[in-house]
Amino acid sequence: MLLKFVGDTFSDICPGWVDECNSALLRLPVSCFIAEHDGQVIGFACYDTTAKGFLGPLGTAPDFRCQGIARALIVSAMHAMESEGYGYAIIPWVRFEEFYQKAVGAVSIPDSEPGVYRRLVGR
């Protein structure tokens, strides 16, 4: 259900998100939080997918945006990371930097791209 939602909703933004979500679901403990409404996935937040300590991907269905769902998901993921011993999280790629600043006090790291993505196969 999650992978179909991510593929259908976000493949135009980042087709790799399906693989990252799948990686989060296969990890123990599972490193993905899912929001549902009436039995349908409406949002998700994963961590430790591309690299340890990375938060994301994160997405919410268009009809459910601006309702606090994404913030609740990201805060849940960060609490899980904290309980696993992380001192902080890195959000490696964002479309809406202001959202992360407001939601969790994120700060930009200048000149951090492409960072770990430079090492990925196929780049």
Protein backbone atom coordinates (compact mmCIF):
# COMPACT_ATOMS: atom_id res chain seq x y z
CA MET A 1 0.00 0.00 0.00
CA LEU A 2 2.74 2.48 0.96
CA LEU A 3 4.92 1.75 -2.07
CA LYS A 4 1.99 2.18 -4.46
CA PHE A 5 1.04 5.47 -2.78
CA VAL A 6 4.60 6.77 -3.02
CA GLY A 7 4.96 5.68 -6.64
CA ASP A 8 1.61 7.11 -7.70
CA THR A 9 1.99 10.38 -5.79
CA PHE A 10 5.69 11.23 -5.95
CA SER A 11 7.29 9.44 -8.92
CA ASP A 12 7.41 12.70 -10.88
CA ILE A 13 9.31 14.40 -8.03
CA CYS A 14 11.72 11.59 -7.17
CA PRO A 15 11.31 8.08 -8.56
CA GLY A 16 13.91 6.79 -6.07
CA TRP A 17 11.55 7.34 -3.16
CA VAL A 18 9.83 4.00 -3.75
CA ASP A 19 13.16 2.21 -3.27
CA GLU A 20 13.99 4.28 -0.21
CA CYS A 21 10.59 3.49 1.35
CA ASN A 22 11.05 -0.19 0.56
CA SER A 23 14.44 -0.08 2.28
CA ALA A 24 12.84 1.51 5.36
CA LEU A 25 10.16 -1.20 5.47
CA LEU A 26 12.75 -3.99 5.27
CA ARG A 27 14.87 -2.58 8.09
CA LEU A 28 14.50 -3.73 11.68
CA PRO A 29 13.20 -1.76 13.37
CA VAL A 30 11.11 -0.48 10.49
CA SER A 31 12.16 3.11 9.84
CA CYS A 32 9.04 4.54 8.26
CA PHE A 33 6.01 6.22 9.77
CA ILE A 34 2.76 6.13 7.83
CA ALA A 35 -0.33 8.33 8.13
CA GLU A 36 -3.66 6.85 7.09
CA HIS A 37 -7.17 8.21 6.59
CA ASP A 38 -10.11 5.85 6.09
CA GLY A 39 -7.70 2.96 5.48
CA GLN A 40 -5.74 4.82 2.79
CA VAL A 41 -2.14 6.00 3.05
CA ILE A 42 -2.01 9.80 3.03
CA GLY A 43 1.55 10.43 4.18
CA PHE A 44 4.87 8.93 5.21
CA ALA A 45 8.23 9.80 6.71
CA CYS A 46 11.24 7.48 6.53
CA TYR A 47 14.73 7.61 7.96
CA ASP A 48 18.01 5.70 7.59
CA THR A 49 17.27 4.90 3.95
CA THR A 50 20.04 6.45 1.83
CA ALA A 51 22.45 6.70 4.75
CA LYS A 52 22.41 6.35 8.53
CA GLY A 53 21.19 9.50 10.22
CA PHE A 54 19.31 10.74 7.16
CA LEU A 55 15.70 11.79 7.56
CA GLY A 56 13.51 11.38 4.50
CA PRO A 57 11.89 10.91 2.21
CA LEU A 58 8.75 12.55 3.53
CA GLY A 59 5.52 13.20 1.68
CA THR A 60 1.82 13.92 2.15
CA ALA A 61 -1.05 13.43 -0.30
CA PRO A 62 -1.98 16.75 -1.96
CA ASP A 63 -5.50 16.77 -0.45
CA PHE A 64 -4.07 16.45 3.07
CA ARG A 65 -1.31 19.05 2.98
CA CYS A 66 -1.19 22.01 5.39
CA GLN A 67 -3.01 20.05 8.11
CA GLY A 68 -0.03 19.22 10.34
CA ILE A 69 0.33 15.65 9.08
CA ALA A 70 3.83 16.10 7.65
CA ARG A 71 5.00 17.80 10.84
CA ALA A 72 3.60 14.97 12.98
CA LEU A 73 5.34 12.41 10.76
CA ILE A 74 8.70 14.17 10.82
CA VAL A 75 8.55 14.67 14.60
CA SER A 76 7.69 10.97 15.06
CA ALA A 77 10.62 9.95 12.88
CA MET A 78 12.97 12.26 14.77
CA HIS A 79 11.83 10.85 18.12
CA ALA A 80 12.49 7.35 16.81
CA MET A 81 15.94 8.40 15.68
CA GLU A 82 16.62 9.93 19.08
CA SER A 83 15.56 6.70 20.80
CA GLU A 84 18.00 4.82 18.54
CA GLY A 85 20.82 7.05 19.76
CA TYR A 86 21.08 9.73 17.10
CA GLY A 87 22.04 13.20 18.33
CA TYR A 88 20.67 14.89 15.23
CA ALA A 89 19.21 14.14 11.81
CA ILE A 90 20.35 15.20 8.38
CA ILE A 91 17.65 16.06 5.87
CA PRO A 92 19.62 15.65 2.65
CA TRP A 93 17.24 17.02 0.03
CA VAL A 94 14.31 19.35 0.51
CA ARG A 95 11.86 21.11 -1.75
CA PHE A 96 10.39 23.36 0.92
CA GLU A 97 13.20 24.44 3.21
CA GLU A 98 10.91 26.80 5.14
CA PHE A 99 8.68 23.88 6.17
CA TYR A 100 11.57 22.06 7.85
CA GLN A 101 12.82 25.25 9.49
CA LYS A 102 9.40 25.93 10.99
CA ALA A 103 8.49 22.31 11.80
CA VAL A 104 11.67 21.20 13.53
CA GLY A 105 14.10 24.11 13.53
CA ALA A 106 16.20 22.69 10.70
CA VAL A 107 19.17 24.74 9.52
CA SER A 108 20.74 24.68 6.09
CA ILE A 109 24.27 23.35 5.66
CA PRO A 110 25.92 25.45 2.95
CA ASP A 111 27.66 23.61 0.09
CA SER A 112 26.39 20.22 1.27
CA GLU A 113 25.18 19.00 -2.13
CA PRO A 114 25.63 16.47 -3.59
CA GLY A 115 27.15 15.08 -0.37
CA VAL A 116 26.65 11.33 0.05
CA TYR A 117 24.67 11.20 -3.20
CA ARG A 118 27.94 11.62 -5.07
CA ARG A 119 28.82 8.00 -4.15
CA LEU A 120 25.61 6.40 -5.36
CA VAL A 121 25.74 3.93 -8.22
CA GLY A 122 24.60 5.42 -11.50
CA ARG A 123 25.61 8.99 -10.71
